[in-house]
PDB file of N, CA and C in Angstrom:
ATOM      1  N   MET A   1      97.201 -97.644  92.325  1.00  0.00           N
ATOM      2  CA  MET A   1      97.911 -97.966  93.536  1.00  0.00           C
ATOM      3  C   MET A   1      98.197 -96.679  94.296  1.00  0.00           C
ATOM      4  N   THR A   2      97.979 -96.688  95.569  1.00  0.00           N
ATOM      5  CA  THR A   2      98.217 -95.530  96.411  1.00  0.00           C
ATOM      6  C   THR A   2      99.342 -95.838  97.379  1.00  0.00           C
ATOM      7  N   LEU A   3     100.245 -94.903  97.498  1.00  0.00           N
ATOM      8  CA  LEU A   3     101.388 -95.049  98.385  1.00  0.00           C
ATOM      9  C   LEU A   3     101.186 -94.151  99.596  1.00  0.00           C
ATOM     10  N   MET A   4     101.364 -94.703 100.791  1.00  0.00           N
ATOM     11  CA  MET A   4     101.255 -93.896 102.003  1.00  0.00           C
ATOM     12  C   MET A   4     102.639 -93.758 102.604  1.00  0.00           C
ATOM     13  N   LEU A   5     103.042 -92.495 102.795  1.00  0.00           N
ATOM     14  CA  LEU A   5     104.354 -92.222 103.345  1.00  0.00           C
ATOM     15  C   LEU A   5     104.206 -91.169 104.428  1.00  0.00           C
ATOM     16  N   ARG A   6     104.518 -91.517 105.665  1.00  0.00           N
ATOM     17  CA  ARG A   6     104.415 -90.614 106.802  1.00  0.00           C
ATOM     18  C   ARG A   6     103.030 -89.978 106.921  1.00  0.00           C
ATOM     19  N   GLY A   7     101.998 -90.755 106.695  1.00  0.00           N
ATOM     20  CA  GLY A   7     100.640 -90.257 106.886  1.00  0.00           C
ATOM     21  C   GLY A   7     100.053 -89.538 105.691  1.00  0.00           C
ATOM     22  N   TYR A   8     100.804 -89.363 104.619  1.00  0.00           N
ATOM     23  CA  TYR A   8     100.301 -88.681 103.431  1.00  0.00           C
ATOM     24  C   TYR A   8     100.073 -89.692 102.324  1.00  0.00           C
ATOM     25  N   PHE A   9      98.951 -89.536 101.622  1.00  0.00           N
ATOM     26  CA  PHE A   9      98.648 -90.437 100.523  1.00  0.00           C
ATOM     27  C   PHE A   9      99.126 -89.830  99.211  1.00  0.00           C
ATOM     28  N   TYR A  10      99.855 -90.605  98.466  1.00  0.00           N
ATOM     29  CA  TYR A  10     100.315 -90.192  97.148  1.00  0.00           C
ATOM     30  C   TYR A  10      99.674 -91.112  96.126  1.00  0.00           C
ATOM     31  N   GLY A  11      98.673 -90.617  95.452  1.00  0.00           N
ATOM     32  CA  GLY A  11      97.966 -91.408  94.459  1.00  0.00           C
ATOM     33  C   GLY A  11      98.234 -90.891  93.063  1.00  0.00           C
ATOM     34  N   LYS A  12      97.567 -91.496  92.128  1.00  0.00           N
ATOM     35  CA  LYS A  12      97.682 -91.107  90.737  1.00  0.00           C
ATOM     36  C   LYS A  12      97.062 -89.725  90.547  1.00  0.00           C
ATOM     37  N   LYS A  13      97.739 -88.862  89.812  1.00  0.00           N
ATOM     38  CA  LYS A  13      97.219 -87.520  89.552  1.00  0.00           C
ATOM     39  C   LYS A  13      96.016 -87.619  88.629  1.00  0.00           C
ATOM     40  N   SER A  14      94.997 -86.827  88.940  1.00  0.00           N
ATOM     41  CA  SER A  14      93.762 -86.846  88.176  1.00  0.00           C
ATOM     42  C   SER A  14      93.975 -86.301  86.766  1.00  0.00           C
ATOM     43  N   LYS A  15      93.282 -86.872  85.821  1.00  0.00           N
ATOM     44  CA  LYS A  15      93.339 -86.432  84.435  1.00  0.00           C
ATOM     45  C   LYS A  15      92.602 -85.109  84.252  1.00  0.00           C
ATOM     46  N   TYR A  16      91.640 -84.839  85.121  1.00  0.00           N
ATOM     47  CA  TYR A  16      90.797 -83.649  85.015  1.00  0.00           C
ATOM     48  C   TYR A  16      90.955 -82.766  86.241  1.00  0.00           C
ATOM     49  N   SER A  17      91.007 -81.454  86.017  1.00  0.00           N
ATOM     50  CA  SER A  17      91.052 -80.495  87.119  1.00  0.00           C
ATOM     51  C   SER A  17      89.666 -80.398  87.756  1.00  0.00           C
ATOM     52  N   VAL A  18      89.577 -79.696  88.875  1.00  0.00           N
ATOM     53  CA  VAL A  18      88.282 -79.491  89.529  1.00  0.00           C
ATOM     54  C   VAL A  18      87.334 -78.773  88.572  1.00  0.00           C
ATOM     55  N   GLU A  19      87.848 -77.752  87.891  1.00  0.00           N
ATOM     56  CA  GLU A  19      87.015 -77.009  86.941  1.00  0.00           C
ATOM     57  C   GLU A  19      86.540 -77.905  85.807  1.00  0.00           C
ATOM     58  N   GLY A  20      87.414 -78.778  85.342  1.00  0.00           N
ATOM     59  CA  GLY A  20      87.046 -79.712  84.279  1.00  0.00           C
ATOM     60  C   GLY A  20      85.972 -80.689  84.722  1.00  0.00           C
ATOM     61  N   LYS A  21      86.107 -81.184  85.948  1.00  0.00           N
ATOM     62  CA  LYS A  21      85.112 -82.117  86.488  1.00  0.00           C
ATOM     63  C   LYS A  21      83.760 -81.435  86.639  1.00  0.00           C
ATOM     64  N   LEU A  22      83.772 -80.189  87.146  1.00  0.00           N
ATOM     65  CA  LEU A  22      82.514 -79.458  87.305  1.00  0.00           C
ATOM     66  C   LEU A  22      81.872 -79.167  85.952  1.00  0.00           C
ATOM     67  N   SER A  23      82.686 -78.887  84.954  1.00  0.00           N
ATOM     68  CA  SER A  23      82.178 -78.655  83.609  1.00  0.00           C
ATOM     69  C   SER A  23      81.522 -79.917  83.045  1.00  0.00           C
ATOM     70  N   ILE A  24      82.170 -81.056  83.259  1.00  0.00           N
ATOM     71  CA  ILE A  24      81.620 -82.330  82.794  1.00  0.00           C
ATOM     72  C   ILE A  24      80.321 -82.633  83.524  1.00  0.00           C
ATOM     73  N   LEU A  25      80.280 -82.378  84.841  1.00  0.00           N
ATOM     74  CA  LEU A  25      79.048 -82.602  85.602  1.00  0.00           C
ATOM     75  C   LEU A  25      77.924 -81.699  85.097  1.00  0.00           C
ATOM     76  N   ASN A  26      78.241 -80.468  84.765  1.00  0.00           N
ATOM     77  CA  ASN A  26      77.249 -79.552  84.216  1.00  0.00           C
ATOM     78  C   ASN A  26      76.742 -80.062  82.864  1.00  0.00           C
ATOM     79  N   GLU A  27      77.647 -80.602  82.077  1.00  0.00           N
ATOM     80  CA  GLU A  27      77.280 -81.143  80.766  1.00  0.00           C
ATOM     81  C   GLU A  27      76.324 -82.332  80.893  1.00  0.00           C
ATOM     82  N   THR A  28      76.466 -83.118  81.964  1.00  0.00           N
ATOM     83  CA  THR A  28      75.563 -84.261  82.141  1.00  0.00           C
ATOM     84  C   THR A  28      74.121 -83.806  82.317  1.00  0.00           C
ATOM     85  N   SER A  29      73.921 -82.635  82.900  1.00  0.00           N
ATOM     86  CA  SER A  29      72.549 -82.148  83.079  1.00  0.00           C
ATOM     87  C   SER A  29      71.951 -81.654  81.768  1.00  0.00           C
ATOM     88  N   HIS A  30      72.800 -81.324  80.797  1.00  0.00           N
ATOM     89  CA  HIS A  30      72.305 -80.835  79.512  1.00  0.00           C
ATOM     90  C   HIS A  30      72.102 -81.944  78.475  1.00  0.00           C
ATOM     91  N   ILE A  31      73.097 -82.824  78.354  1.00  0.00           N
ATOM     92  CA  ILE A  31      72.995 -83.844  77.297  1.00  0.00           C
ATOM     93  C   ILE A  31      72.802 -85.254  77.830  1.00  0.00           C
ATOM     94  N   GLY A  32      72.964 -85.438  79.139  1.00  0.00           N
ATOM     95  CA  GLY A  32      72.749 -86.757  79.720  1.00  0.00           C
ATOM     96  C   GLY A  32      74.045 -87.469  80.041  1.00  0.00           C
ATOM     97  N   ILE A  33      73.977 -88.306  81.043  1.00  0.00           N
ATOM     98  CA  ILE A  33      75.180 -88.990  81.536  1.00  0.00           C
ATOM     99  C   ILE A  33      75.703 -90.007  80.514  1.00  0.00           C
ATOM    100  N   PHE A  34      74.808 -90.658  79.789  1.00  0.00           N
ATOM    101  CA  PHE A  34      75.244 -91.668  78.818  1.00  0.00           C
ATOM    102  C   PHE A  34      76.108 -91.041  77.728  1.00  0.00           C
ATOM    103  N   GLU A  35      75.665 -89.910  77.190  1.00  0.00           N
ATOM    104  CA  GLU A  35      76.424 -89.241  76.133  1.00  0.00           C
ATOM    105  C   GLU A  35      77.770 -88.729  76.639  1.00  0.00           C
ATOM    106  N   VAL A  36      77.794 -88.246  77.865  1.00  0.00           N
ATOM    107  CA  VAL A  36      79.035 -87.734  78.444  1.00  0.00           C
ATOM    108  C   VAL A  36      80.040 -88.868  78.667  1.00  0.00           C
ATOM    109  N   THR A  37      79.560 -90.020  79.128  1.00  0.00           N
ATOM    110  CA  THR A  37      80.472 -91.151  79.341  1.00  0.00           C
ATOM    111  C   THR A  37      81.128 -91.577  78.030  1.00  0.00           C
ATOM    112  N   ILE A  38      80.375 -91.535  76.956  1.00  0.00           N
ATOM    113  CA  ILE A  38      80.935 -91.887  75.644  1.00  0.00           C
ATOM    114  C   ILE A  38      81.896 -90.805  75.161  1.00  0.00           C
ATOM    115  N   LYS A  39      81.493 -89.540  75.286  1.00  0.00           N
ATOM    116  CA  LYS A  39      82.291 -88.412  74.793  1.00  0.00           C
ATOM    117  C   LYS A  39      83.659 -88.347  75.455  1.00  0.00           C
ATOM    118  N   TYR A  40      83.711 -88.533  76.775  1.00  0.00           N
ATOM    119  CA  TYR A  40      84.962 -88.387  77.519  1.00  0.00           C
ATOM    120  C   TYR A  40      85.616 -89.715  77.887  1.00  0.00           C
ATOM    121  N   GLY A  41      84.927 -90.819  77.681  1.00  0.00           N
ATOM    122  CA  GLY A  41      85.492 -92.111  78.038  1.00  0.00           C
ATOM    123  C   GLY A  41      85.606 -92.309  79.537  1.00  0.00           C
ATOM    124  N   ILE A  42      84.647 -91.745  80.272  1.00  0.00           N
ATOM    125  CA  ILE A  42      84.635 -91.834  81.730  1.00  0.00           C
ATOM    126  C   ILE A  42      83.519 -92.783  82.151  1.00  0.00           C
ATOM    127  N   ASP A  43      83.812 -93.633  83.107  1.00  0.00           N
ATOM    128  CA  ASP A  43      82.804 -94.556  83.617  1.00  0.00           C
ATOM    129  C   ASP A  43      81.717 -93.787  84.368  1.00  0.00           C
ATOM    130  N   TYR A  44      80.490 -94.231  84.259  1.00  0.00           N
ATOM    131  CA  TYR A  44      79.374 -93.547  84.922  1.00  0.00           C
ATOM    132  C   TYR A  44      79.534 -93.549  86.444  1.00  0.00           C
ATOM    133  N   LYS A  45      80.233 -94.541  86.979  1.00  0.00           N
ATOM    134  CA  LYS A  45      80.478 -94.584  88.426  1.00  0.00           C
ATOM    135  C   LYS A  45      81.419 -93.455  88.854  1.00  0.00           C
ATOM    136  N   THR A  46      82.376 -93.126  88.006  1.00  0.00           N
ATOM    137  CA  THR A  46      83.284 -92.018  88.289  1.00  0.00           C
ATOM    138  C   THR A  46      82.522 -90.707  88.326  1.00  0.00           C
ATOM    139  N   ILE A  47      81.634 -90.501  87.371  1.00  0.00           N
ATOM    140  CA  ILE A  47      80.825 -89.287  87.341  1.00  0.00           C
ATOM    141  C   ILE A  47      79.945 -89.218  88.584  1.00  0.00           C
ATOM    142  N   GLY A  48      79.396 -90.332  88.998  1.00  0.00           N
ATOM    143  CA  GLY A  48      78.597 -90.376  90.218  1.00  0.00           C
ATOM    144  C   GLY A  48      79.411 -90.031  91.451  1.00  0.00           C
ATOM    145  N   ARG A  49      80.650 -90.504  91.499  1.00  0.00           N
ATOM    146  CA  ARG A  49      81.543 -90.201  92.613  1.00  0.00           C
ATOM    147  C   ARG A  49      81.869 -88.706  92.660  1.00  0.00           C
ATOM    148  N   TRP A  50      82.140 -88.125  91.470  1.00  0.00           N
ATOM    149  CA  TRP A  50      82.403 -86.687  91.398  1.00  0.00           C
ATOM    150  C   TRP A  50      81.188 -85.902  91.871  1.00  0.00           C
ATOM    151  N   ARG A  51      80.005 -86.319  91.436  1.00  0.00           N
ATOM    152  CA  ARG A  51      78.772 -85.614  91.803  1.00  0.00           C
ATOM    153  C   ARG A  51      78.593 -85.623  93.318  1.00  0.00           C
ATOM    154  N   LEU A  52      78.782 -86.770  93.955  1.00  0.00           N
ATOM    155  CA  LEU A  52      78.661 -86.857  95.411  1.00  0.00           C
ATOM    156  C   LEU A  52      79.709 -86.003  96.110  1.00  0.00           C
ATOM    157  N   LEU A  53      80.934 -86.035  95.626  1.00  0.00           N
ATOM    158  CA  LEU A  53      82.021 -85.281  96.226  1.00  0.00           C
ATOM    159  C   LEU A  53      81.736 -83.784  96.189  1.00  0.00           C
ATOM    160  N   TYR A  54      81.327 -83.285  95.033  1.00  0.00           N
ATOM    161  CA  TYR A  54      81.136 -81.844  94.899  1.00  0.00           C
ATOM    162  C   TYR A  54      79.809 -81.380  95.473  1.00  0.00           C
ATOM    163  N   GLN A  55      78.813 -82.251  95.568  1.00  0.00           N
ATOM    164  CA  GLN A  55      77.575 -81.892  96.272  1.00  0.00           C
ATOM    165  C   GLN A  55      77.874 -81.746  97.757  1.00  0.00           C
ATOM    166  N   TYR A  56      78.687 -82.628  98.284  1.00  0.00           N
ATOM    167  CA  TYR A  56      79.049 -82.596  99.695  1.00  0.00           C
ATOM    168  C   TYR A  56      79.811 -81.320 100.027  1.00  0.00           C
ATOM    169  N   GLN A  57      80.630 -80.862  99.083  1.00  0.00           N
ATOM    170  CA  GLN A  57      81.434 -79.665  99.299  1.00  0.00           C
ATOM    171  C   GLN A  57      80.706 -78.388  98.855  1.00  0.00           C
ATOM    172  N   ASP A  58      79.476 -78.511  98.413  1.00  0.00           N
ATOM    173  CA  ASP A  58      78.665 -77.382  97.941  1.00  0.00           C
ATOM    174  C   ASP A  58      79.323 -76.619  96.795  1.00  0.00           C
ATOM    175  N   LEU A  59      79.902 -77.332  95.858  1.00  0.00           N
ATOM    176  CA  LEU A  59      80.489 -76.686  94.677  1.00  0.00           C
ATOM    177  C   LEU A  59      79.564 -76.801  93.492  1.00  0.00           C
TER     178      LEU A  59
END
């Protein structure tokens, strides 16, 4: 659930930092997305969303 107050969105804090997400994305290129989803308990759609987000930002 996301709360909007005076134009600012307050959502749930992410379990992973930016560095953690980039590390997980890097790991998918080495061992594969299926193994990473099992290892971290992250849905493959979430990993896809992270990949698009950080590709767009050139990270």
